[in-house]
C-alpha atoms as a PDB file:
ATOM      1  CA  UNK A   1      33.985 -20.835  31.398  1.00  0.00           C
ATOM      2  CA  UNK A   2      33.384 -24.546  31.597  1.00  0.00           C
ATOM      3  CA  UNK A   3      34.945 -26.673  28.814  1.00  0.00           C
ATOM      4  CA  UNK A   4      31.484 -28.138  28.117  1.00  0.00           C
ATOM      5  CA  UNK A   5      30.057 -24.673  27.141  1.00  0.00           C
ATOM      6  CA  UNK A   6      33.063 -23.984  24.898  1.00  0.00           C
ATOM      7  CA  UNK A   7      32.315 -27.282  23.006  1.00  0.00           C
ATOM      8  CA  UNK A   8      28.621 -26.419  22.728  1.00  0.00           C
ATOM      9  CA  UNK A   9      29.385 -23.094  21.263  1.00  0.00           C
ATOM     10  CA  UNK A  10      31.734 -24.622  18.679  1.00  0.00           C
ATOM     11  CA  UNK A  11      29.282 -27.407  17.846  1.00  0.00           C
ATOM     12  CA  UNK A  12      26.388 -24.884  17.441  1.00  0.00           C
ATOM     13  CA  UNK A  13      28.566 -22.979  14.924  1.00  0.00           C
ATOM     14  CA  UNK A  14      29.130 -26.180  12.950  1.00  0.00           C
ATOM     15  CA  UNK A  15      25.436 -27.097  13.062  1.00  0.00           C
ATOM     16  CA  UNK A  16      24.325 -23.572  12.051  1.00  0.00           C
ATOM     17  CA  UNK A  17      26.794 -23.361   9.191  1.00  0.00           C
ATOM     18  CA  UNK A  18      25.804 -26.870   7.926  1.00  0.00           C
ATOM     19  CA  UNK A  19      22.140 -25.588   7.682  1.00  0.00           C
ATOM     20  CA  UNK A  20      23.307 -22.476   5.943  1.00  0.00           C
ATOM     21  CA  UNK A  21      25.207 -24.665   3.390  1.00  0.00           C
ATOM     22  CA  UNK A  22      22.042 -26.804   2.968  1.00  0.00           C
ATOM     23  CA  UNK A  23      19.971 -23.635   2.124  1.00  0.00           C
ATOM     24  CA  UNK A  24      22.551 -22.313  -0.266  1.00  0.00           C
ATOM     25  CA  UNK A  25      22.775 -25.733  -1.975  1.00  0.00           C
ATOM     26  CA  UNK A  26      18.946 -25.619  -2.425  1.00  0.00           C
ATOM     27  CA  UNK A  27      19.167 -22.064  -3.846  1.00  0.00           C
ATOM     28  CA  UNK A  28      21.830 -23.201  -6.423  1.00  0.00           C
ATOM     29  CA  UNK A  29      19.858 -26.357  -7.347  1.00  0.00           C
ATOM     30  CA  UNK A  30      16.792 -24.204  -8.168  1.00  0.00           C
ATOM     31  CA  UNK A  31      18.528 -21.529 -10.221  1.00  0.00           C
ATOM     32  CA  UNK A  32      16.474 -22.693 -13.243  1.00  0.00           C
ATOM     33  CA  UNK A  33      13.145 -23.225 -11.451  1.00  0.00           C
ATOM     34  CA  UNK A  34      10.454 -20.848 -12.663  1.00  0.00           C
ATOM     35  CA  UNK A  35       8.995 -18.884  -9.863  1.00  0.00           C
ATOM     36  CA  UNK A  36      11.429 -19.983  -7.215  1.00  0.00           C
ATOM     37  CA  UNK A  37      12.288 -17.515  -4.479  1.00  0.00           C
ATOM     38  CA  UNK A  38      15.735 -17.840  -2.830  1.00  0.00           C
ATOM     39  CA  UNK A  39      16.036 -18.438   0.914  1.00  0.00           C
ATOM     40  CA  UNK A  40      18.513 -17.400   3.624  1.00  0.00           C
ATOM     41  CA  UNK A  41      19.153 -18.467   7.212  1.00  0.00           C
ATOM     42  CA  UNK A  42      18.744 -15.924  10.032  1.00  0.00           C
ATOM     43  CA  UNK A  43      20.770 -16.619  13.109  1.00  0.00           C
ATOM     44  CA  UNK A  44      20.560 -15.512  16.711  1.00  0.00           C
ATOM     45  CA  UNK A  45      23.158 -15.684  19.457  1.00  0.00           C
ATOM     46  CA  UNK A  46      22.059 -17.741  22.501  1.00  0.00           C
ATOM     47  CA  UNK A  47      22.255 -17.539  26.306  1.00  0.00           C
ATOM     48  CA  UNK A  48      24.925 -15.310  27.794  1.00  0.00           C
ATOM     49  CA  UNK A  49      26.413 -16.202  31.170  1.00  0.00           C
ATOM     50  CA  UNK A  50      28.546 -14.150  33.553  1.00  0.00           C
ATOM     51  CA  UNK A  51      32.135 -15.416  34.202  1.00  0.00           C
ATOM     52  CA  UNK A  52      34.378 -13.920  36.749  1.00  0.00           C
ATOM     53  CA  UNK A  53      37.775 -12.968  35.358  1.00  0.00           C
ATOM     54  CA  UNK A  54      40.281 -13.846  37.970  1.00  0.00           C
ATOM     55  CA  UNK A  55      42.954 -11.277  36.900  1.00  0.00           C
ATOM     56  CA  UNK A  56      40.695  -8.273  37.080  1.00  0.00           C
ATOM     57  CA  UNK A  57      37.801  -9.581  39.298  1.00  0.00           C
ATOM     58  CA  UNK A  58      35.275  -8.454  36.718  1.00  0.00           C
ATOM     59  CA  UNK A  59      32.220 -10.190  35.508  1.00  0.00           C
ATOM     60  CA  UNK A  60      32.256 -10.850  31.760  1.00  0.00           C
ATOM     61  CA  UNK A  61      29.182 -12.151  29.798  1.00  0.00           C
ATOM     62  CA  UNK A  62      30.112 -14.791  27.395  1.00  0.00           C
ATOM     63  CA  UNK A  63      27.698 -16.284  24.906  1.00  0.00           C
ATOM     64  CA  UNK A  64      27.013 -19.992  24.352  1.00  0.00           C
ATOM     65  CA  UNK A  65      27.008 -20.125  20.590  1.00  0.00           C
ATOM     66  CA  UNK A  66      24.458 -19.567  17.810  1.00  0.00           C
ATOM     67  CA  UNK A  67      21.038 -20.966  16.944  1.00  0.00           C
ATOM     68  CA  UNK A  68      19.222 -20.719  13.618  1.00  0.00           C
ATOM     69  CA  UNK A  69      16.166 -18.513  14.042  1.00  0.00           C
ATOM     70  CA  UNK A  70      14.342 -18.755  10.697  1.00  0.00           C
ATOM     71  CA  UNK A  71      14.771 -19.675   7.126  1.00  0.00           C
ATOM     72  CA  UNK A  72      13.467 -16.553   5.218  1.00  0.00           C
ATOM     73  CA  UNK A  73      12.244 -16.502   1.633  1.00  0.00           C
ATOM     74  CA  UNK A  74      13.358 -13.525  -0.369  1.00  0.00           C
ATOM     75  CA  UNK A  75      10.460 -12.296  -2.480  1.00  0.00           C
ATOM     76  CA  UNK A  76      12.347  -9.913  -4.783  1.00  0.00           C
ATOM     77  CA  UNK A  77      11.196  -9.773  -8.348  1.00  0.00           C
ATOM     78  CA  UNK A  78      12.759 -12.306 -10.725  1.00  0.00           C
ATOM     79  CA  UNK A  79      13.372 -11.403 -14.389  1.00  0.00           C
ATOM     80  CA  UNK A  80      10.778 -12.353 -16.986  1.00  0.00           C
ATOM     81  CA  UNK A  81      11.422 -14.798 -19.810  1.00  0.00           C
ATOM     82  CA  UNK A  82       9.357 -14.821 -22.960  1.00  0.00           C
ATOM     83  CA  UNK A  83       8.000 -18.356 -23.814  1.00  0.00           C
ATOM     84  CA  UNK A  84       5.305 -17.688 -26.518  1.00  0.00           C
ATOM     85  CA  UNK A  85       3.108 -20.282 -24.712  1.00  0.00           C
ATOM     86  CA  UNK A  86      -0.377 -18.856 -24.188  1.00  0.00           C
ATOM     87  CA  UNK A  87      -0.881 -20.579 -20.786  1.00  0.00           C
ATOM     88  CA  UNK A  88       2.408 -19.320 -19.372  1.00  0.00           C
ATOM     89  CA  UNK A  89       1.905 -16.380 -17.029  1.00  0.00           C
ATOM     90  CA  UNK A  90       4.058 -14.103 -14.903  1.00  0.00           C
ATOM     91  CA  UNK A  91       3.402 -11.492 -12.311  1.00  0.00           C
ATOM     92  CA  UNK A  92       5.306  -8.203 -12.520  1.00  0.00           C
ATOM     93  CA  UNK A  93       4.997  -6.613  -9.222  1.00  0.00           C
ATOM     94  CA  UNK A  94       3.361  -7.784  -6.014  1.00  0.00           C
ATOM     95  CA  UNK A  95       1.109 -10.743  -5.684  1.00  0.00           C
ATOM     96  CA  UNK A  96       0.705 -14.501  -6.008  1.00  0.00           C
ATOM     97  CA  UNK A  97      -1.377 -16.842  -8.177  1.00  0.00           C
ATOM     98  CA  UNK A  98      -3.831 -18.813  -6.085  1.00  0.00           C
ATOM     99  CA  UNK A  99      -4.209 -22.551  -6.558  1.00  0.00           C
ATOM    100  CA  UNK A 100      -6.293 -25.219  -4.904  1.00  0.00           C
ATOM    101  CA  UNK A 101      -4.163 -27.841  -3.202  1.00  0.00           C
ATOM    102  CA  UNK A 102      -4.916 -31.534  -2.841  1.00  0.00           C
ATOM    103  CA  UNK A 103      -5.962 -31.066   0.864  1.00  0.00           C
ATOM    104  CA  UNK A 104      -8.554 -28.345  -0.082  1.00  0.00           C
ATOM    105  CA  UNK A 105      -6.405 -25.496   1.146  1.00  0.00           C
ATOM    106  CA  UNK A 106      -5.268 -22.497  -1.001  1.00  0.00           C
ATOM    107  CA  UNK A 107      -1.665 -22.345  -2.128  1.00  0.00           C
ATOM    108  CA  UNK A 108       0.208 -19.350  -3.480  1.00  0.00           C
ATOM    109  CA  UNK A 109       2.845 -19.423  -6.123  1.00  0.00           C
ATOM    110  CA  UNK A 110       4.788 -17.199  -8.515  1.00  0.00           C
ATOM    111  CA  UNK A 111       5.192 -20.027 -10.924  1.00  0.00           C
ATOM    112  CA  UNK A 112       2.803 -19.446 -13.723  1.00  0.00           C
ATOM    113  CA  UNK A 113       3.749 -22.479 -15.874  1.00  0.00           C
ATOM    114  CA  UNK A 114       0.082 -23.426 -16.324  1.00  0.00           C
ATOM    115  CA  UNK A 115      -1.562 -25.881 -18.703  1.00  0.00           C
ATOM    116  CA  UNK A 116      -5.052 -27.045 -19.553  1.00  0.00           C
ATOM    117  CA  UNK A 117      -6.088 -30.442 -18.093  1.00  0.00           C
ATOM    118  CA  UNK A 118      -8.531 -33.067 -19.456  1.00  0.00           C
ATOM    119  CA  UNK A 119     -11.524 -31.155 -18.128  1.00  0.00           C
ATOM    120  CA  UNK A 120     -10.368 -27.854 -19.638  1.00  0.00           C
ATOM    121  CA  UNK A 121      -9.354 -26.320 -16.329  1.00  0.00           C
ATOM    122  CA  UNK A 122      -6.283 -24.066 -16.016  1.00  0.00           C
ATOM    123  CA  UNK A 123      -3.942 -25.944 -13.672  1.00  0.00           C
ATOM    124  CA  UNK A 124      -0.300 -26.016 -12.554  1.00  0.00           C
ATOM    125  CA  UNK A 125       2.174 -28.691 -13.762  1.00  0.00           C
ATOM    126  CA  UNK A 126       1.124 -30.747 -10.732  1.00  0.00           C
ATOM    127  CA  UNK A 127      -2.593 -30.614 -11.487  1.00  0.00           C
ATOM    128  CA  UNK A 128      -3.624 -27.944  -8.887  1.00  0.00           C
ATOM    129  CA  UNK A 129      -6.503 -25.906 -10.337  1.00  0.00           C
ATOM    130  CA  UNK A 130      -6.119 -22.081 -10.478  1.00  0.00           C
ATOM    131  CA  UNK A 131      -8.565 -20.257  -8.075  1.00  0.00           C
ATOM    132  CA  UNK A 132     -11.067 -19.127  -9.207  1.00  0.00           C
ATOM    133  CA  UNK A 133     -11.703 -21.888 -11.785  1.00  0.00           C
ATOM    134  CA  UNK A 134     -11.014 -21.078 -15.349  1.00  0.00           C
ATOM    135  CA  UNK A 135     -12.319 -23.519 -17.885  1.00  0.00           C
ATOM    136  CA  UNK A 136     -11.063 -23.415 -21.462  1.00  0.00           C
ATOM    137  CA  UNK A 137     -13.292 -24.970 -24.257  1.00  0.00           C
ATOM    138  CA  UNK A 138     -11.528 -28.157 -25.497  1.00  0.00           C
ATOM    139  CA  UNK A 139     -13.551 -29.279 -28.600  1.00  0.00           C
ATOM    140  CA  UNK A 140     -13.484 -26.206 -30.638  1.00  0.00           C
ATOM    141  CA  UNK A 141     -10.640 -24.263 -32.232  1.00  0.00           C
ATOM    142  CA  UNK A 142      -9.679 -20.984 -30.627  1.00  0.00           C
ATOM    143  CA  UNK A 143      -6.764 -18.814 -29.603  1.00  0.00           C
ATOM    144  CA  UNK A 144      -6.197 -18.021 -25.921  1.00  0.00           C
ATOM    145  CA  UNK A 145      -5.112 -14.589 -24.618  1.00  0.00           C
ATOM    146  CA  UNK A 146      -4.648 -13.162 -21.143  1.00  0.00           C
ATOM    147  CA  UNK A 147      -4.282  -9.362 -20.751  1.00  0.00           C
ATOM    148  CA  UNK A 148      -2.410  -7.480 -18.079  1.00  0.00           C
ATOM    149  CA  UNK A 149      -5.454  -7.087 -16.060  1.00  0.00           C
ATOM    150  CA  UNK A 150      -5.851 -10.914 -15.826  1.00  0.00           C
ATOM    151  CA  UNK A 151      -8.866 -11.263 -18.097  1.00  0.00           C
ATOM    152  CA  UNK A 152      -8.735 -14.620 -19.868  1.00  0.00           C
ATOM    153  CA  UNK A 153     -10.199 -14.464 -23.429  1.00  0.00           C
ATOM    154  CA  UNK A 154     -10.631 -16.776 -26.417  1.00  0.00           C
ATOM    155  CA  UNK A 155     -10.962 -15.742 -30.066  1.00  0.00           C
ATOM    156  CA  UNK A 156     -12.798 -18.304 -32.338  1.00  0.00           C
ATOM    157  CA  UNK A 157     -12.037 -18.589 -36.016  1.00  0.00           C
ATOM    158  CA  UNK A 158     -13.955 -16.120 -38.132  1.00  0.00           C
ATOM    159  CA  UNK A 159     -14.880 -13.918 -35.082  1.00  0.00           C
ATOM    160  CA  UNK A 160     -13.373 -10.409 -34.698  1.00  0.00           C
ATOM    161  CA  UNK A 161     -14.334  -9.983 -31.012  1.00  0.00           C
ATOM    162  CA  UNK A 162     -12.885 -12.022 -28.110  1.00  0.00           C
ATOM    163  CA  UNK A 163     -14.945 -13.755 -25.531  1.00  0.00           C
ATOM    164  CA  UNK A 164     -14.076 -13.496 -21.790  1.00  0.00           C
ATOM    165  CA  UNK A 165     -14.063 -17.025 -20.118  1.00  0.00           C
ATOM    166  CA  UNK A 166     -12.480 -16.246 -16.758  1.00  0.00           C
ATOM    167  CA  UNK A 167     -10.578 -13.753 -14.596  1.00  0.00           C
ATOM    168  CA  UNK A 168      -7.237 -14.219 -12.912  1.00  0.00           C
ATOM    169  CA  UNK A 169      -7.156 -12.982  -9.380  1.00  0.00           C
ATOM    170  CA  UNK A 170      -3.971 -12.542  -7.327  1.00  0.00           C
ATOM    171  CA  UNK A 171      -3.327 -12.408  -3.605  1.00  0.00           C
ATOM    172  CA  UNK A 172      -1.041 -10.112  -1.644  1.00  0.00           C
ATOM    173  CA  UNK A 173       0.104 -10.321   2.001  1.00  0.00           C
ATOM    174  CA  UNK A 174       1.187  -7.797   4.563  1.00  0.00           C
ATOM    175  CA  UNK A 175       4.222  -9.827   5.404  1.00  0.00           C
ATOM    176  CA  UNK A 176       4.944 -12.218   2.459  1.00  0.00           C
ATOM    177  CA  UNK A 177       8.143 -13.406   4.216  1.00  0.00           C
ATOM    178  CA  UNK A 178       5.919 -15.032   6.787  1.00  0.00           C
ATOM    179  CA  UNK A 179       4.469 -17.467   4.221  1.00  0.00           C
ATOM    180  CA  UNK A 180       5.395 -21.033   4.822  1.00  0.00           C
ATOM    181  CA  UNK A 181       7.116 -22.912   1.912  1.00  0.00           C
ATOM    182  CA  UNK A 182       5.358 -26.101   0.916  1.00  0.00           C
ATOM    183  CA  UNK A 183       7.644 -27.149  -1.933  1.00  0.00           C
ATOM    184  CA  UNK A 184       6.962 -27.157  -5.691  1.00  0.00           C
ATOM    185  CA  UNK A 185       7.418 -23.367  -5.690  1.00  0.00           C
ATOM    186  CA  UNK A 186       4.245 -23.354  -3.451  1.00  0.00           C
ATOM    187  CA  UNK A 187       3.579 -21.350  -0.351  1.00  0.00           C
ATOM    188  CA  UNK A 188       0.755 -21.359   2.215  1.00  0.00           C
ATOM    189  CA  UNK A 189      -0.454 -18.864   4.650  1.00  0.00           C
ATOM    190  CA  UNK A 190       1.415 -18.756   7.945  1.00  0.00           C
ATOM    191  CA  UNK A 191       0.807 -17.148  11.401  1.00  0.00           C
ATOM    192  CA  UNK A 192       3.274 -14.346  10.514  1.00  0.00           C
ATOM    193  CA  UNK A 193       2.119 -13.637   7.034  1.00  0.00           C
ATOM    194  CA  UNK A 194      -1.335 -12.185   7.801  1.00  0.00           C
ATOM    195  CA  UNK A 195      -4.396 -12.958   5.783  1.00  0.00           C
ATOM    196  CA  UNK A 196      -4.543 -12.828   1.932  1.00  0.00           C
ATOM    197  CA  UNK A 197      -5.873  -9.778   0.296  1.00  0.00           C
ATOM    198  CA  UNK A 198      -7.478 -10.680  -3.042  1.00  0.00           C
ATOM    199  CA  UNK A 199      -7.596  -8.312  -5.986  1.00  0.00           C
ATOM    200  CA  UNK A 200      -7.418  -7.847  -9.688  1.00  0.00           C
ATOM    201  CA  UNK A 201      -4.151  -7.598 -11.468  1.00  0.00           C
ATOM    202  CA  UNK A 202      -2.911  -4.101 -12.508  1.00  0.00           C
ATOM    203  CA  UNK A 203      -4.862  -2.341  -9.800  1.00  0.00           C
ATOM    204  CA  UNK A 204      -3.339  -0.345  -6.968  1.00  0.00           C
ATOM    205  CA  UNK A 205      -1.315  -2.679  -4.709  1.00  0.00           C
ATOM    206  CA  UNK A 206      -1.261  -5.568  -7.103  1.00  0.00           C
ATOM    207  CA  UNK A 207       1.161  -6.437  -9.843  1.00  0.00           C
ATOM    208  CA  UNK A 208       0.200  -6.900 -13.535  1.00  0.00           C
ATOM    209  CA  UNK A 209      -0.076 -10.257 -15.438  1.00  0.00           C
ATOM    210  CA  UNK A 210       2.335 -10.744 -18.250  1.00  0.00           C
ATOM    211  CA  UNK A 211       1.080 -13.358 -20.685  1.00  0.00           C
ATOM    212  CA  UNK A 212       3.307 -15.856 -22.646  1.00  0.00           C
ATOM    213  CA  UNK A 213       6.148 -15.355 -20.068  1.00  0.00           C
ATOM    214  CA  UNK A 214       7.532 -16.872 -16.857  1.00  0.00           C
ATOM    215  CA  UNK A 215       9.266 -15.357 -13.956  1.00  0.00           C
ATOM    216  CA  UNK A 216      12.624 -17.030 -13.587  1.00  0.00           C
ATOM    217  CA  UNK A 217      14.365 -17.795 -10.305  1.00  0.00           C
ATOM    218  CA  UNK A 218      15.613 -14.767  -8.285  1.00  0.00           C
ATOM    219  CA  UNK A 219      18.745 -16.666  -7.208  1.00  0.00           C
ATOM    220  CA  UNK A 220      21.861 -14.492  -7.662  1.00  0.00           C
ATOM    221  CA  UNK A 221      24.604 -16.925  -8.544  1.00  0.00           C
ATOM    222  CA  UNK A 222      27.472 -14.502  -7.615  1.00  0.00           C
ATOM    223  CA  UNK A 223      25.951 -13.807  -4.275  1.00  0.00           C
ATOM    224  CA  UNK A 224      25.200 -17.463  -3.489  1.00  0.00           C
ATOM    225  CA  UNK A 225      28.749 -18.469  -4.539  1.00  0.00           C
ATOM    226  CA  UNK A 226      30.097 -15.795  -2.137  1.00  0.00           C
ATOM    227  CA  UNK A 227      27.859 -16.984   0.664  1.00  0.00           C
ATOM    228  CA  UNK A 228      29.009 -20.537   0.037  1.00  0.00           C
ATOM    229  CA  UNK A 229      32.699 -19.650   0.511  1.00  0.00           C
ATOM    230  CA  UNK A 230      31.840 -17.744   3.786  1.00  0.00           C
ATOM    231  CA  UNK A 231      29.793 -20.613   5.164  1.00  0.00           C
ATOM    232  CA  UNK A 232      32.548 -23.145   4.359  1.00  0.00           C
ATOM    233  CA  UNK A 233      35.161 -21.029   6.122  1.00  0.00           C
ATOM    234  CA  UNK A 234      32.922 -20.394   9.115  1.00  0.00           C
ATOM    235  CA  UNK A 235      32.213 -24.182   9.308  1.00  0.00           C
ATOM    236  CA  UNK A 236      35.951 -24.987   9.066  1.00  0.00           C
ATOM    237  CA  UNK A 237      36.833 -22.436  11.908  1.00  0.00           C
ATOM    238  CA  UNK A 238      34.169 -23.859  14.160  1.00  0.00           C
ATOM    239  CA  UNK A 239      35.629 -27.339  13.506  1.00  0.00           C
ATOM    240  CA  UNK A 240      39.093 -26.000  14.220  1.00  0.00           C
ATOM    241  CA  UNK A 241      37.870 -24.527  17.470  1.00  0.00           C
ATOM    242  CA  UNK A 242      36.423 -27.898  18.542  1.00  0.00           C
ATOM    243  CA  UNK A 243      39.712 -29.621  17.742  1.00  0.00           C
ATOM    244  CA  UNK A 244      41.573 -26.956  19.742  1.00  0.00           C
ATOM    245  CA  UNK A 245      39.372 -27.679  22.656  1.00  0.00           C
ATOM    246  CA  UNK A 246      39.941 -31.396  22.313  1.00  0.00           C
ATOM    247  CA  UNK A 247      43.716 -30.783  22.282  1.00  0.00           C
ATOM    248  CA  UNK A 248      43.301 -28.666  25.486  1.00  0.00           C
ATOM    249  CA  UNK A 249      41.401 -31.478  27.287  1.00  0.00           C
ATOM    250  CA  UNK A 250      44.065 -33.944  26.129  1.00  0.00           C
ATOM    251  CA  UNK A 251      46.894 -31.721  27.412  1.00  0.00           C
ATOM    252  CA  UNK A 252      45.154 -31.288  30.726  1.00  0.00           C
ATOM    253  CA  UNK A 253      44.618 -34.983  31.200  1.00  0.00           C
ATOM    254  CA  UNK A 254      48.253 -35.727  30.385  1.00  0.00           C
ATOM    255  CA  UNK A 255      49.420 -33.145  33.003  1.00  0.00           C
ATOM    256  CA  UNK A 256      47.049 -34.557  35.534  1.00  0.00           C
ATOM    257  CA  UNK A 257      48.184 -38.139  34.983  1.00  0.00           C
ATOM    258  CA  UNK A 258      51.836 -37.306  35.762  1.00  0.00           C
END
């Protein structure tokens, strides 16, 4: 096997584990981010070449290292945390809240830390309006409630019955792991995710809405710390392999110069 191929294999291991360390660090940084979904790096081995073994006259196929294939989001359910804030919503089960992004496209998120803006619209912390629009009366006293079916209601003082002012709809995907992360706990539809299926919460195939609660990050600290140790060791071993190759080249050059 050429020395250059050995070096490429060692370097690819270092680059791959560096990316894995970056992803783990991002997961740990977002351990307290509502609606955050942890990520992992998927690797693939790369081109194999046949090399003739002189001692046995046999061809052996040797790989040329590793390449990161994808960064995959893990959409396991996070635990729910009660907040007692009427506009905080969580989804228990499958589905995403829909919001209108600045470029006009639809974003999908599990972060239900909503608020009411100056126009009375239900929006995210970054001002992205919930789809479909839900407008809350601003200039009259009321209490806001959202049931598990996603119906948004207000109760005015002195009234026994509530008034429905909107309906939360959620979206599901055939392959949610194919969604593309946009940042701010936001995802957009990708080529591998398939199209969105829109439906009402608490119906077959869709999760239910839990009011006055948030879904916390699904990052598993113990697992991430274990992965961190493995990635550090793998990076160190790849570095050691590169140093060994360098020593071999230096030894060969010294022998040749004599």
